[in-house]
Amino acid sequence: MAARRLVEVYLDLLSQPCRAVHILLNCNKIPHTVRTVALRKGEQRSPEFTKLNPMQKVPVMDDNGFVLTESDAIMKYLVTKYDVPEHWYPRQAERRARVDEYTAWHHSNTRPHAAKVFILEVLIPIQTGSPVDKERLNQALSQLDDTLDKLESMFLRRQPFLCGDDITLADLLAICELMQPLGGDRDVLQKRPQLQRWKNRVQSAIGDSFDQAHTILYALRDRRKARL
């Protein structure tokens, strides 16, 4: 019988969904191997990677030939298959539905709105050498503010985490997105004490895995600050 390989994950830790997968694997000590795919070098367009994921995006998981290509699906698969605490993706129907409710909302709200701020303030200026388009950035910040309002009023309300009394996959996906503008030295939670307290609870629940996953983002922020 052939030996079973460790789960392989293809990641670039400047990618928000990749960081969420990375944190989940590490804080739950799920044995795995990381294959780095440097998006800035175009490695996602290589023939080898394109065979694995024709969409040429990360993250990708390969569990002994079973390949998944979306962070939401990857994380739900991992917590369903491996021995991790149930709170990450509860089995009880109503509690699980709350996680699914957030993750469905996330992809058209938290994810694009936080990412757009980073793209406009950091990526486009780096790639083109052009100054930040202040008008477009202000529009993106306004959209993100609306999303942050809804995170507070719809999801957090008076509970400690987005979907209840304990951390779930929803919190990982959300915090990794909301950290992204920090690459441009912009803390989007700075004036939102409710979300700051939530972030602190998430970090405390995750432990060292949080900073490990964000090392590249911190370095980007520090390089940017040194240039200004």
C-alpha atoms as a PDB file:
ATOM      1  CA  MET A   1       0.000   0.000   0.000  1.00  0.00           C
ATOM      2  CA  ALA A   2       1.385   3.417  -0.942  1.00  0.00           C
ATOM      3  CA  ALA A   3       2.236   5.732   1.937  1.00  0.00           C
ATOM      4  CA  ARG A   4      -0.226   8.534   2.495  1.00  0.00           C
ATOM      5  CA  ARG A   5       1.182  12.011   1.808  1.00  0.00           C
ATOM      6  CA  LEU A   6       0.597  15.007   3.986  1.00  0.00           C
ATOM      7  CA  VAL A   7      -2.003  17.498   2.848  1.00  0.00           C
ATOM      8  CA  GLU A   8      -0.326  19.935   0.433  1.00  0.00           C
ATOM      9  CA  VAL A   9      -1.469  23.548   0.306  1.00  0.00           C
ATOM     10  CA  TYR A  10      -0.392  26.016  -2.362  1.00  0.00           C
ATOM     11  CA  LEU A  11      -0.236  29.475  -0.816  1.00  0.00           C
ATOM     12  CA  ASP A  12       1.012  33.026  -1.135  1.00  0.00           C
ATOM     13  CA  LEU A  13       0.730  34.629   2.307  1.00  0.00           C
ATOM     14  CA  LEU A  14       0.178  38.070   0.843  1.00  0.00           C
ATOM     15  CA  SER A  15      -3.216  36.608  -0.142  1.00  0.00           C
ATOM     16  CA  GLN A  16      -5.904  37.007   2.504  1.00  0.00           C
ATOM     17  CA  PRO A  17      -7.672  33.637   1.917  1.00  0.00           C
ATOM     18  CA  CYS A  18      -4.295  31.882   1.925  1.00  0.00           C
ATOM     19  CA  ARG A  19      -3.563  33.317   5.361  1.00  0.00           C
ATOM     20  CA  ALA A  20      -6.897  32.047   6.675  1.00  0.00           C
ATOM     21  CA  VAL A  21      -6.079  28.514   5.488  1.00  0.00           C
ATOM     22  CA  HIS A  22      -2.531  28.791   6.883  1.00  0.00           C
ATOM     23  CA  ILE A  23      -3.805  29.871  10.315  1.00  0.00           C
ATOM     24  CA  LEU A  24      -6.399  27.100  10.457  1.00  0.00           C
ATOM     25  CA  LEU A  25      -3.808  24.432   9.638  1.00  0.00           C
ATOM     26  CA  ASN A  26      -1.213  25.713  12.086  1.00  0.00           C
ATOM     27  CA  CYS A  27      -3.326  26.549  15.100  1.00  0.00           C
ATOM     28  CA  ASN A  28      -4.986  23.117  14.856  1.00  0.00           C
ATOM     29  CA  LYS A  29      -1.681  21.334  14.165  1.00  0.00           C
ATOM     30  CA  ILE A  30      -3.019  19.596  11.048  1.00  0.00           C
ATOM     31  CA  PRO A  31       0.034  17.987   9.382  1.00  0.00           C
ATOM     32  CA  HIS A  32       0.644  19.619   6.025  1.00  0.00           C
ATOM     33  CA  THR A  33       3.207  20.809   3.512  1.00  0.00           C
ATOM     34  CA  VAL A  34       3.185  24.360   2.153  1.00  0.00           C
ATOM     35  CA  ARG A  35       4.023  24.918  -1.517  1.00  0.00           C
ATOM     36  CA  THR A  36       4.646  28.622  -2.065  1.00  0.00           C
ATOM     37  CA  VAL A  37       3.190  30.169  -5.209  1.00  0.00           C
ATOM     38  CA  ALA A  38       4.569  33.699  -5.642  1.00  0.00           C
ATOM     39  CA  LEU A  39       1.783  35.670  -7.302  1.00  0.00           C
ATOM     40  CA  ARG A  40       4.040  38.698  -7.843  1.00  0.00           C
ATOM     41  CA  LYS A  41       6.277  36.486 -10.008  1.00  0.00           C
ATOM     42  CA  GLY A  42       3.337  35.036 -11.947  1.00  0.00           C
ATOM     43  CA  GLU A  43       3.986  31.504 -10.674  1.00  0.00           C
ATOM     44  CA  GLN A  44       0.231  30.843 -10.667  1.00  0.00           C
ATOM     45  CA  ARG A  45       0.385  30.914 -14.476  1.00  0.00           C
ATOM     46  CA  SER A  46       2.978  28.140 -14.751  1.00  0.00           C
ATOM     47  CA  PRO A  47       1.892  25.026 -16.683  1.00  0.00           C
ATOM     48  CA  GLU A  48       2.323  22.870 -13.565  1.00  0.00           C
ATOM     49  CA  PHE A  49       0.118  25.027 -11.376  1.00  0.00           C
ATOM     50  CA  THR A  50      -2.446  25.585 -14.140  1.00  0.00           C
ATOM     51  CA  LYS A  51      -2.913  21.803 -14.358  1.00  0.00           C
ATOM     52  CA  LEU A  52      -3.728  21.825 -10.656  1.00  0.00           C
ATOM     53  CA  ASN A  53      -6.002  24.867 -10.843  1.00  0.00           C
ATOM     54  CA  PRO A  54      -7.000  26.125 -14.300  1.00  0.00           C
ATOM     55  CA  MET A  55      -8.311  29.311 -12.629  1.00  0.00           C
ATOM     56  CA  GLN A  56      -4.677  30.130 -11.712  1.00  0.00           C
ATOM     57  CA  LYS A  57      -5.567  31.246  -8.197  1.00  0.00           C
ATOM     58  CA  VAL A  58      -4.504  30.373  -4.669  1.00  0.00           C
ATOM     59  CA  PRO A  59      -5.137  28.787  -2.243  1.00  0.00           C
ATOM     60  CA  VAL A  60      -5.259  25.242  -3.559  1.00  0.00           C
ATOM     61  CA  MET A  61      -5.308  22.061  -1.482  1.00  0.00           C
ATOM     62  CA  ASP A  62      -4.201  18.625  -2.660  1.00  0.00           C
ATOM     63  CA  ASP A  63      -5.114  15.847  -0.228  1.00  0.00           C
ATOM     64  CA  ASN A  64      -3.663  12.746  -1.853  1.00  0.00           C
ATOM     65  CA  GLY A  65      -5.100  13.648  -5.234  1.00  0.00           C
ATOM     66  CA  PHE A  66      -8.292  15.278  -3.982  1.00  0.00           C
ATOM     67  CA  VAL A  67      -7.909  18.891  -5.122  1.00  0.00           C
ATOM     68  CA  LEU A  68      -9.930  21.876  -3.880  1.00  0.00           C
ATOM     69  CA  THR A  69      -9.543  25.423  -5.123  1.00  0.00           C
ATOM     70  CA  GLU A  70     -11.606  27.774  -2.918  1.00  0.00           C
ATOM     71  CA  SER A  71     -10.616  28.869   0.591  1.00  0.00           C
ATOM     72  CA  ASP A  72     -14.137  28.474   1.980  1.00  0.00           C
ATOM     73  CA  ALA A  73     -14.414  24.913   0.662  1.00  0.00           C
ATOM     74  CA  ILE A  74     -10.851  24.042   1.714  1.00  0.00           C
ATOM     75  CA  MET A  75     -11.377  25.177   5.297  1.00  0.00           C
ATOM     76  CA  LYS A  76     -14.728  23.426   5.663  1.00  0.00           C
ATOM     77  CA  TYR A  77     -13.219  20.236   4.251  1.00  0.00           C
ATOM     78  CA  LEU A  78     -10.253  20.350   6.630  1.00  0.00           C
ATOM     79  CA  VAL A  79     -12.322  20.850   9.774  1.00  0.00           C
ATOM     80  CA  THR A  80     -14.777  18.169   8.682  1.00  0.00           C
ATOM     81  CA  LYS A  81     -12.088  15.597   7.927  1.00  0.00           C
ATOM     82  CA  TYR A  82      -9.516  16.247  10.648  1.00  0.00           C
ATOM     83  CA  ASP A  83      -9.746  16.077  14.417  1.00  0.00           C
ATOM     84  CA  VAL A  84     -10.211  19.736  15.307  1.00  0.00           C
ATOM     85  CA  PRO A  85     -12.464  21.376  17.909  1.00  0.00           C
ATOM     86  CA  GLU A  86     -16.064  21.491  16.744  1.00  0.00           C
ATOM     87  CA  HIS A  87     -16.416  25.227  17.292  1.00  0.00           C
ATOM     88  CA  TRP A  88     -14.580  25.951  14.027  1.00  0.00           C
ATOM     89  CA  TYR A  89     -17.533  24.649  11.989  1.00  0.00           C
ATOM     90  CA  PRO A  90     -20.243  23.379  14.347  1.00  0.00           C
ATOM     91  CA  ARG A  91     -22.187  20.219  13.574  1.00  0.00           C
ATOM     92  CA  GLN A  92     -25.396  21.550  15.135  1.00  0.00           C
ATOM     93  CA  ALA A  93     -27.562  22.770  12.247  1.00  0.00           C
ATOM     94  CA  GLU A  94     -28.412  26.290  13.387  1.00  0.00           C
ATOM     95  CA  ARG A  95     -24.876  27.106  14.526  1.00  0.00           C
ATOM     96  CA  ARG A  96     -23.378  25.770  11.297  1.00  0.00           C
ATOM     97  CA  ALA A  97     -25.905  27.762   9.285  1.00  0.00           C
ATOM     98  CA  ARG A  98     -24.684  30.941  10.996  1.00  0.00           C
ATOM     99  CA  VAL A  99     -21.156  30.232   9.752  1.00  0.00           C
ATOM    100  CA  ASP A 100     -22.465  29.521   6.259  1.00  0.00           C
ATOM    101  CA  GLU A 101     -24.522  32.719   6.401  1.00  0.00           C
ATOM    102  CA  TYR A 102     -21.415  34.802   7.084  1.00  0.00           C
ATOM    103  CA  THR A 103     -19.164  33.038   4.571  1.00  0.00           C
ATOM    104  CA  ALA A 104     -21.783  33.513   1.822  1.00  0.00           C
ATOM    105  CA  TRP A 105     -22.036  37.232   2.685  1.00  0.00           C
ATOM    106  CA  HIS A 106     -18.265  37.598   3.027  1.00  0.00           C
ATOM    107  CA  HIS A 107     -17.470  37.009  -0.642  1.00  0.00           C
ATOM    108  CA  SER A 108     -19.434  40.016  -1.870  1.00  0.00           C
ATOM    109  CA  ASN A 109     -18.808  42.305   1.104  1.00  0.00           C
ATOM    110  CA  THR A 110     -15.820  42.005   3.450  1.00  0.00           C
ATOM    111  CA  ARG A 111     -13.581  40.390   0.863  1.00  0.00           C
ATOM    112  CA  PRO A 112     -13.910  42.758  -2.120  1.00  0.00           C
ATOM    113  CA  HIS A 113     -14.267  45.945  -0.074  1.00  0.00           C
ATOM    114  CA  ALA A 114     -11.171  45.486   2.102  1.00  0.00           C
ATOM    115  CA  ALA A 115      -9.182  44.156  -0.846  1.00  0.00           C
ATOM    116  CA  LYS A 116     -10.062  47.153  -3.015  1.00  0.00           C
ATOM    117  CA  VAL A 117      -8.550  49.549  -0.474  1.00  0.00           C
ATOM    118  CA  PHE A 118      -5.290  47.580  -0.545  1.00  0.00           C
ATOM    119  CA  ILE A 119      -5.284  47.343  -4.348  1.00  0.00           C
ATOM    120  CA  LEU A 120      -5.811  51.074  -4.818  1.00  0.00           C
ATOM    121  CA  GLU A 121      -3.460  52.226  -2.073  1.00  0.00           C
ATOM    122  CA  VAL A 122      -0.651  49.676  -2.441  1.00  0.00           C
ATOM    123  CA  LEU A 123      -0.766  47.326  -5.433  1.00  0.00           C
ATOM    124  CA  ILE A 124      -1.582  49.695  -8.282  1.00  0.00           C
ATOM    125  CA  PRO A 125       1.003  52.328  -7.216  1.00  0.00           C
ATOM    126  CA  ILE A 126       3.678  49.599  -6.872  1.00  0.00           C
ATOM    127  CA  GLN A 127       2.848  48.028 -10.232  1.00  0.00           C
ATOM    128  CA  THR A 128       2.440  51.249 -12.230  1.00  0.00           C
ATOM    129  CA  GLY A 129       4.524  53.813 -10.356  1.00  0.00           C
ATOM    130  CA  SER A 130       1.518  56.131 -10.406  1.00  0.00           C
ATOM    131  CA  PRO A 131       0.206  58.038  -7.351  1.00  0.00           C
ATOM    132  CA  VAL A 132      -2.810  56.824  -5.402  1.00  0.00           C
ATOM    133  CA  ASP A 133      -6.120  57.781  -7.021  1.00  0.00           C
ATOM    134  CA  LYS A 134      -7.587  59.606  -4.023  1.00  0.00           C
ATOM    135  CA  GLU A 135     -11.122  59.787  -5.408  1.00  0.00           C
ATOM    136  CA  ARG A 136     -11.351  56.049  -6.060  1.00  0.00           C
ATOM    137  CA  LEU A 137      -9.692  55.307  -2.713  1.00  0.00           C
ATOM    138  CA  ASN A 138     -12.224  57.454  -0.839  1.00  0.00           C
ATOM    139  CA  GLN A 139     -15.070  55.638  -2.607  1.00  0.00           C
ATOM    140  CA  ALA A 140     -13.547  52.286  -1.623  1.00  0.00           C
ATOM    141  CA  LEU A 141     -13.129  53.430   1.989  1.00  0.00           C
ATOM    142  CA  SER A 142     -16.777  54.481   2.071  1.00  0.00           C
ATOM    143  CA  GLN A 143     -17.855  51.036   0.817  1.00  0.00           C
ATOM    144  CA  LEU A 144     -15.645  49.389   3.417  1.00  0.00           C
ATOM    145  CA  ASP A 145     -17.139  51.568   6.160  1.00  0.00           C
ATOM    146  CA  ASP A 146     -20.609  50.328   5.218  1.00  0.00           C
ATOM    147  CA  THR A 147     -19.340  46.751   5.450  1.00  0.00           C
ATOM    148  CA  LEU A 148     -17.771  47.408   8.869  1.00  0.00           C
ATOM    149  CA  ASP A 149     -21.068  48.875  10.071  1.00  0.00           C
ATOM    150  CA  LYS A 150     -22.845  45.672   9.048  1.00  0.00           C
ATOM    151  CA  LEU A 151     -20.196  43.484  10.676  1.00  0.00           C
ATOM    152  CA  GLU A 152     -20.927  45.275  13.943  1.00  0.00           C
ATOM    153  CA  SER A 153     -24.720  45.444  13.676  1.00  0.00           C
ATOM    154  CA  MET A 154     -25.570  42.197  11.852  1.00  0.00           C
ATOM    155  CA  PHE A 155     -22.921  39.747  12.959  1.00  0.00           C
ATOM    156  CA  LEU A 156     -21.161  40.813  16.144  1.00  0.00           C
ATOM    157  CA  ARG A 157     -24.085  42.534  17.901  1.00  0.00           C
ATOM    158  CA  ARG A 158     -23.420  41.692  21.578  1.00  0.00           C
ATOM    159  CA  GLN A 159     -21.634  38.386  21.008  1.00  0.00           C
ATOM    160  CA  PRO A 160     -17.851  37.917  21.191  1.00  0.00           C
ATOM    161  CA  PHE A 161     -17.360  36.365  17.723  1.00  0.00           C
ATOM    162  CA  LEU A 162     -19.104  36.777  14.377  1.00  0.00           C
ATOM    163  CA  CYS A 163     -21.203  33.624  14.708  1.00  0.00           C
ATOM    164  CA  GLY A 164     -21.575  33.170  18.453  1.00  0.00           C
ATOM    165  CA  ASP A 165     -19.623  32.568  21.629  1.00  0.00           C
ATOM    166  CA  ASP A 166     -16.565  30.921  20.071  1.00  0.00           C
ATOM    167  CA  ILE A 167     -14.256  31.437  17.114  1.00  0.00           C
ATOM    168  CA  THR A 168     -15.235  29.892  13.781  1.00  0.00           C
ATOM    169  CA  LEU A 169     -14.016  29.831  10.197  1.00  0.00           C
ATOM    170  CA  ALA A 170     -15.991  33.034   9.663  1.00  0.00           C
ATOM    171  CA  ASP A 171     -13.726  34.960  12.019  1.00  0.00           C
ATOM    172  CA  LEU A 172     -10.584  33.732  10.250  1.00  0.00           C
ATOM    173  CA  LEU A 173     -11.834  34.742   6.817  1.00  0.00           C
ATOM    174  CA  ALA A 174     -12.962  38.139   8.083  1.00  0.00           C
ATOM    175  CA  ILE A 175      -9.880  39.095  10.089  1.00  0.00           C
ATOM    176  CA  CYS A 176      -7.483  38.187   7.277  1.00  0.00           C
ATOM    177  CA  GLU A 177      -9.378  40.506   4.928  1.00  0.00           C
ATOM    178  CA  LEU A 178      -9.536  43.363   7.420  1.00  0.00           C
ATOM    179  CA  MET A 179      -5.797  43.109   8.070  1.00  0.00           C
ATOM    180  CA  GLN A 180      -4.986  43.567   4.368  1.00  0.00           C
ATOM    181  CA  PRO A 181      -5.090  47.407   4.255  1.00  0.00           C
ATOM    182  CA  LEU A 182      -2.370  47.339   6.923  1.00  0.00           C
ATOM    183  CA  GLY A 183       0.010  46.632   4.027  1.00  0.00           C
ATOM    184  CA  GLY A 184      -0.487  50.323   3.217  1.00  0.00           C
ATOM    185  CA  ASP A 185      -0.146  51.247   6.907  1.00  0.00           C
ATOM    186  CA  ARG A 186      -3.912  51.730   7.176  1.00  0.00           C
ATOM    187  CA  ASP A 187      -5.631  50.266  10.230  1.00  0.00           C
ATOM    188  CA  VAL A 188      -9.288  50.166   9.208  1.00  0.00           C
ATOM    189  CA  LEU A 189     -10.364  49.144  12.724  1.00  0.00           C
ATOM    190  CA  GLN A 190      -8.583  52.018  14.466  1.00  0.00           C
ATOM    191  CA  LYS A 191     -11.747  54.023  15.168  1.00  0.00           C
ATOM    192  CA  ARG A 192     -13.975  51.016  15.817  1.00  0.00           C
ATOM    193  CA  PRO A 193     -13.559  49.792  19.405  1.00  0.00           C
ATOM    194  CA  GLN A 194     -16.130  47.007  19.041  1.00  0.00           C
ATOM    195  CA  LEU A 195     -14.246  45.502  16.103  1.00  0.00           C
ATOM    196  CA  GLN A 196     -10.905  46.078  17.820  1.00  0.00           C
ATOM    197  CA  ARG A 197     -12.077  44.044  20.807  1.00  0.00           C
ATOM    198  CA  TRP A 198     -13.253  41.309  18.420  1.00  0.00           C
ATOM    199  CA  LYS A 199      -9.864  41.336  16.672  1.00  0.00           C
ATOM    200  CA  ASN A 200      -8.107  40.971  20.032  1.00  0.00           C
ATOM    201  CA  ARG A 201     -10.301  37.998  20.913  1.00  0.00           C
ATOM    202  CA  VAL A 202      -9.549  36.375  17.551  1.00  0.00           C
ATOM    203  CA  GLN A 203      -5.795  36.895  18.002  1.00  0.00           C
ATOM    204  CA  SER A 204      -5.944  35.469  21.513  1.00  0.00           C
ATOM    205  CA  ALA A 205      -7.827  32.377  20.292  1.00  0.00           C
ATOM    206  CA  ILE A 206      -5.387  31.820  17.409  1.00  0.00           C
ATOM    207  CA  GLY A 207      -2.126  32.462  19.253  1.00  0.00           C
ATOM    208  CA  ASP A 208       1.205  32.671  17.428  1.00  0.00           C
ATOM    209  CA  SER A 209      -0.337  31.452  14.167  1.00  0.00           C
ATOM    210  CA  PHE A 210      -1.776  34.926  13.624  1.00  0.00           C
ATOM    211  CA  ASP A 211       1.514  36.810  13.472  1.00  0.00           C
ATOM    212  CA  GLN A 212       3.226  33.967  11.604  1.00  0.00           C
ATOM    213  CA  ALA A 213       0.668  34.219   8.816  1.00  0.00           C
ATOM    214  CA  HIS A 214       0.956  38.018   8.643  1.00  0.00           C
ATOM    215  CA  THR A 215       4.762  38.321   8.595  1.00  0.00           C
ATOM    216  CA  ILE A 216       4.862  39.207   4.872  1.00  0.00           C
ATOM    217  CA  LEU A 217       2.113  41.802   5.280  1.00  0.00           C
ATOM    218  CA  TYR A 218       3.931  43.392   8.238  1.00  0.00           C
ATOM    219  CA  ALA A 219       7.132  43.536   6.188  1.00  0.00           C
ATOM    220  CA  LEU A 220       5.284  45.238   3.327  1.00  0.00           C
ATOM    221  CA  ARG A 221       3.887  47.814   5.752  1.00  0.00           C
ATOM    222  CA  ASP A 222       7.312  48.462   7.282  1.00  0.00           C
ATOM    223  CA  ARG A 223       8.970  48.910   3.870  1.00  0.00           C
ATOM    224  CA  ARG A 224       6.249  51.349   2.858  1.00  0.00           C
ATOM    225  CA  LYS A 225       6.651  53.364   6.088  1.00  0.00           C
ATOM    226  CA  ALA A 226      10.430  53.504   5.577  1.00  0.00           C
ATOM    227  CA  ARG A 227       9.990  54.977   2.083  1.00  0.00           C
ATOM    228  CA  LEU A 228       7.570  57.699   3.188  1.00  0.00           C
END
